[in-house]
Amino acid sequence: MNEDAPTMSAGDGGFSNTADATGPNAGFTPLLGGSKKKPKKRRRYTISQSEMLKTEGAQKDSSYLPFLISYDGAEQYVLYSRSQAQLKIELRKIYRPENFKKLDVKRLYPNDVIQFYYKKRQQALRSE
């Protein structure tokens, strides 16, 4: 049984970009997407590099306090916030409710932050 159904093909000389430029079936393939202007990139930093190096490591706003976040007793990191309540609100946006119960938040003093990062560095050097 031979089934003759339309194949939606234009044949050898169909309307395509490979057809003759002159003739009854001259093809034209339009550009996709058109030409759009790319938006200009904004500068990320408005201060010079020397000014950034002067303020590097210095905390600009002294109203932010360091807090030690420990997740399930294994993973620890330091985050800064204005209060413990505000920090917990931000952490609720990051962690799922069932994992939020495993978090422990503790207020740190500046010397405790220095000791925390010093111990992290020593631990990383020992593991190499």
C-alpha atoms as a PDB file:
ATOM      1  CA  MET A   1       0.000   0.000   0.000  1.00  0.00           C
ATOM      2  CA  ASN A   2       1.465   3.364  -1.003  1.00  0.00           C
ATOM      3  CA  GLU A   3       0.247   6.353   0.944  1.00  0.00           C
ATOM      4  CA  ASP A   4       0.621   9.733  -0.785  1.00  0.00           C
ATOM      5  CA  ALA A   5       0.374  12.473   1.832  1.00  0.00           C
ATOM      6  CA  PRO A   6       1.634  16.040   1.706  1.00  0.00           C
ATOM      7  CA  THR A   7       5.165  16.326   3.066  1.00  0.00           C
ATOM      8  CA  MET A   8       5.247  20.131   3.502  1.00  0.00           C
ATOM      9  CA  SER A   9       8.382  20.322   1.353  1.00  0.00           C
ATOM     10  CA  ALA A  10       8.910  22.844  -1.421  1.00  0.00           C
ATOM     11  CA  GLY A  11      10.877  20.475  -3.634  1.00  0.00           C
ATOM     12  CA  ASP A  12      14.135  21.179  -5.465  1.00  0.00           C
ATOM     13  CA  GLY A  13      13.528  24.818  -6.354  1.00  0.00           C
ATOM     14  CA  GLY A  14      11.318  25.871  -3.470  1.00  0.00           C
ATOM     15  CA  PHE A  15      11.060  29.187  -1.690  1.00  0.00           C
ATOM     16  CA  SER A  16      14.286  29.256   0.336  1.00  0.00           C
ATOM     17  CA  ASN A  17      17.483  31.235   0.577  1.00  0.00           C
ATOM     18  CA  THR A  18      19.186  28.723  -1.721  1.00  0.00           C
ATOM     19  CA  ALA A  19      16.868  29.478  -4.662  1.00  0.00           C
ATOM     20  CA  ASP A  20      17.920  31.806  -7.508  1.00  0.00           C
ATOM     21  CA  ALA A  21      17.925  35.514  -6.659  1.00  0.00           C
ATOM     22  CA  THR A  22      15.826  36.146  -9.770  1.00  0.00           C
ATOM     23  CA  GLY A  23      12.921  34.063 -10.821  1.00  0.00           C
ATOM     24  CA  PRO A  24       9.489  33.005  -9.756  1.00  0.00           C
ATOM     25  CA  ASN A  25      10.549  31.368  -6.494  1.00  0.00           C
ATOM     26  CA  ALA A  26      13.295  33.743  -5.274  1.00  0.00           C
ATOM     27  CA  GLY A  27      13.753  33.048  -1.583  1.00  0.00           C
ATOM     28  CA  PHE A  28      14.396  35.341   1.335  1.00  0.00           C
ATOM     29  CA  THR A  29      15.271  34.321   4.867  1.00  0.00           C
ATOM     30  CA  PRO A  30      14.682  37.143   7.359  1.00  0.00           C
ATOM     31  CA  LEU A  31      17.027  37.743  10.297  1.00  0.00           C
ATOM     32  CA  LEU A  32      15.992  36.266  13.612  1.00  0.00           C
ATOM     33  CA  GLY A  33      15.490  38.619  16.536  1.00  0.00           C
ATOM     34  CA  GLY A  34      16.255  41.875  14.753  1.00  0.00           C
ATOM     35  CA  SER A  35      18.919  44.286  15.883  1.00  0.00           C
ATOM     36  CA  LYS A  36      18.617  45.534  19.431  1.00  0.00           C
ATOM     37  CA  LYS A  37      20.943  47.918  21.171  1.00  0.00           C
ATOM     38  CA  LYS A  38      22.767  46.380  24.099  1.00  0.00           C
ATOM     39  CA  PRO A  39      22.375  48.314  27.336  1.00  0.00           C
ATOM     40  CA  LYS A  40      25.497  50.013  28.614  1.00  0.00           C
ATOM     41  CA  LYS A  41      27.190  48.293  31.514  1.00  0.00           C
ATOM     42  CA  ARG A  42      27.110  50.219  34.740  1.00  0.00           C
ATOM     43  CA  ARG A  43      30.303  50.685  36.663  1.00  0.00           C
ATOM     44  CA  ARG A  44      30.370  48.566  39.749  1.00  0.00           C
ATOM     45  CA  TYR A  45      32.654  50.792  41.769  1.00  0.00           C
ATOM     46  CA  THR A  46      32.475  54.545  41.986  1.00  0.00           C
ATOM     47  CA  ILE A  47      35.571  55.001  44.152  1.00  0.00           C
ATOM     48  CA  SER A  48      39.152  54.523  43.075  1.00  0.00           C
ATOM     49  CA  GLN A  49      41.191  51.461  43.895  1.00  0.00           C
ATOM     50  CA  SER A  50      43.439  53.366  46.301  1.00  0.00           C
ATOM     51  CA  GLU A  51      40.407  54.537  48.293  1.00  0.00           C
ATOM     52  CA  MET A  52      39.109  50.974  48.438  1.00  0.00           C
ATOM     53  CA  LEU A  53      42.443  49.727  49.786  1.00  0.00           C
ATOM     54  CA  LYS A  54      42.385  52.379  52.519  1.00  0.00           C
ATOM     55  CA  THR A  55      38.998  51.180  53.791  1.00  0.00           C
ATOM     56  CA  GLU A  56      39.659  47.472  53.293  1.00  0.00           C
ATOM     57  CA  GLY A  57      39.060  45.549  56.486  1.00  0.00           C
ATOM     58  CA  ALA A  58      37.575  48.567  58.251  1.00  0.00           C
ATOM     59  CA  GLN A  59      33.954  48.345  59.216  1.00  0.00           C
ATOM     60  CA  LYS A  60      32.197  51.524  58.102  1.00  0.00           C
ATOM     61  CA  ASP A  61      29.043  51.228  60.183  1.00  0.00           C
ATOM     62  CA  SER A  62      29.726  50.303  63.805  1.00  0.00           C
ATOM     63  CA  SER A  63      26.052  49.513  64.443  1.00  0.00           C
ATOM     64  CA  TYR A  64      26.465  46.076  62.832  1.00  0.00           C
ATOM     65  CA  LEU A  65      27.358  43.333  65.298  1.00  0.00           C
ATOM     66  CA  PRO A  66      29.072  39.998  64.537  1.00  0.00           C
ATOM     67  CA  PHE A  67      27.138  36.773  65.134  1.00  0.00           C
ATOM     68  CA  LEU A  68      28.412  33.202  64.953  1.00  0.00           C
ATOM     69  CA  ILE A  69      26.046  30.965  62.989  1.00  0.00           C
ATOM     70  CA  SER A  70      26.499  27.233  63.524  1.00  0.00           C
ATOM     71  CA  TYR A  71      24.474  24.836  61.429  1.00  0.00           C
ATOM     72  CA  ASP A  72      23.910  21.509  63.188  1.00  0.00           C
ATOM     73  CA  GLY A  73      27.142  22.021  65.155  1.00  0.00           C
ATOM     74  CA  ALA A  74      29.344  21.233  62.134  1.00  0.00           C
ATOM     75  CA  GLU A  75      29.339  24.199  59.782  1.00  0.00           C
ATOM     76  CA  GLN A  76      30.154  27.612  61.291  1.00  0.00           C
ATOM     77  CA  TYR A  77      30.408  31.097  59.824  1.00  0.00           C
ATOM     78  CA  VAL A  78      30.186  34.740  60.910  1.00  0.00           C
ATOM     79  CA  LEU A  79      27.466  37.134  59.762  1.00  0.00           C
ATOM     80  CA  TYR A  80      26.955  40.776  60.662  1.00  0.00           C
ATOM     81  CA  SER A  81      23.585  42.257  61.550  1.00  0.00           C
ATOM     82  CA  ARG A  82      22.046  45.025  63.624  1.00  0.00           C
ATOM     83  CA  SER A  83      20.327  42.578  65.985  1.00  0.00           C
ATOM     84  CA  GLN A  84      19.835  38.890  66.554  1.00  0.00           C
ATOM     85  CA  ALA A  85      16.152  39.140  65.623  1.00  0.00           C
ATOM     86  CA  GLN A  86      16.924  40.808  62.292  1.00  0.00           C
ATOM     87  CA  LEU A  87      19.549  38.173  61.542  1.00  0.00           C
ATOM     88  CA  LYS A  88      17.074  35.361  62.216  1.00  0.00           C
ATOM     89  CA  ILE A  89      14.587  36.997  59.832  1.00  0.00           C
ATOM     90  CA  GLU A  90      17.250  37.009  57.101  1.00  0.00           C
ATOM     91  CA  LEU A  91      18.218  33.396  57.850  1.00  0.00           C
ATOM     92  CA  ARG A  92      14.581  32.318  57.517  1.00  0.00           C
ATOM     93  CA  LYS A  93      14.744  33.546  53.924  1.00  0.00           C
ATOM     94  CA  ILE A  94      17.780  31.332  53.264  1.00  0.00           C
ATOM     95  CA  TYR A  95      17.049  28.091  55.139  1.00  0.00           C
ATOM     96  CA  ARG A  96      14.015  25.860  54.906  1.00  0.00           C
ATOM     97  CA  PRO A  97      11.845  25.664  58.062  1.00  0.00           C
ATOM     98  CA  GLU A  98      12.931  22.121  58.946  1.00  0.00           C
ATOM     99  CA  ASN A  99      16.614  23.137  58.673  1.00  0.00           C
ATOM    100  CA  PHE A 100      16.116  26.415  60.538  1.00  0.00           C
ATOM    101  CA  LYS A 101      15.659  24.457  63.776  1.00  0.00           C
ATOM    102  CA  LYS A 102      19.274  23.221  63.462  1.00  0.00           C
ATOM    103  CA  LEU A 103      20.704  26.767  63.468  1.00  0.00           C
ATOM    104  CA  ASP A 104      22.324  28.306  66.516  1.00  0.00           C
ATOM    105  CA  VAL A 105      23.040  32.056  66.659  1.00  0.00           C
ATOM    106  CA  LYS A 106      25.555  33.467  69.138  1.00  0.00           C
ATOM    107  CA  ARG A 107      26.746  37.061  69.568  1.00  0.00           C
ATOM    108  CA  LEU A 108      30.508  37.523  69.201  1.00  0.00           C
ATOM    109  CA  TYR A 109      32.889  40.232  70.311  1.00  0.00           C
ATOM    110  CA  PRO A 110      35.490  41.576  67.862  1.00  0.00           C
ATOM    111  CA  ASN A 111      38.363  39.602  69.402  1.00  0.00           C
ATOM    112  CA  ASP A 112      36.263  36.407  69.109  1.00  0.00           C
ATOM    113  CA  VAL A 113      35.839  37.075  65.373  1.00  0.00           C
ATOM    114  CA  ILE A 114      39.606  37.413  64.959  1.00  0.00           C
ATOM    115  CA  GLN A 115      40.171  34.158  66.858  1.00  0.00           C
ATOM    116  CA  PHE A 116      37.491  32.390  64.769  1.00  0.00           C
ATOM    117  CA  TYR A 117      39.157  33.303  61.474  1.00  0.00           C
ATOM    118  CA  TYR A 118      42.624  32.556  62.854  1.00  0.00           C
ATOM    119  CA  LYS A 119      41.522  29.043  63.839  1.00  0.00           C
ATOM    120  CA  LYS A 120      39.900  28.545  60.425  1.00  0.00           C
ATOM    121  CA  ARG A 121      43.151  29.561  58.723  1.00  0.00           C
ATOM    122  CA  GLN A 122      45.268  27.271  60.919  1.00  0.00           C
ATOM    123  CA  GLN A 123      42.897  24.386  60.250  1.00  0.00           C
ATOM    124  CA  ALA A 124      43.129  24.981  56.487  1.00  0.00           C
ATOM    125  CA  LEU A 125      46.927  25.107  56.611  1.00  0.00           C
ATOM    126  CA  ARG A 126      47.094  21.833  58.547  1.00  0.00           C
ATOM    127  CA  SER A 127      44.852  20.024  56.071  1.00  0.00           C
ATOM    128  CA  GLU A 128      47.100  20.784  53.081  1.00  0.00           C
END
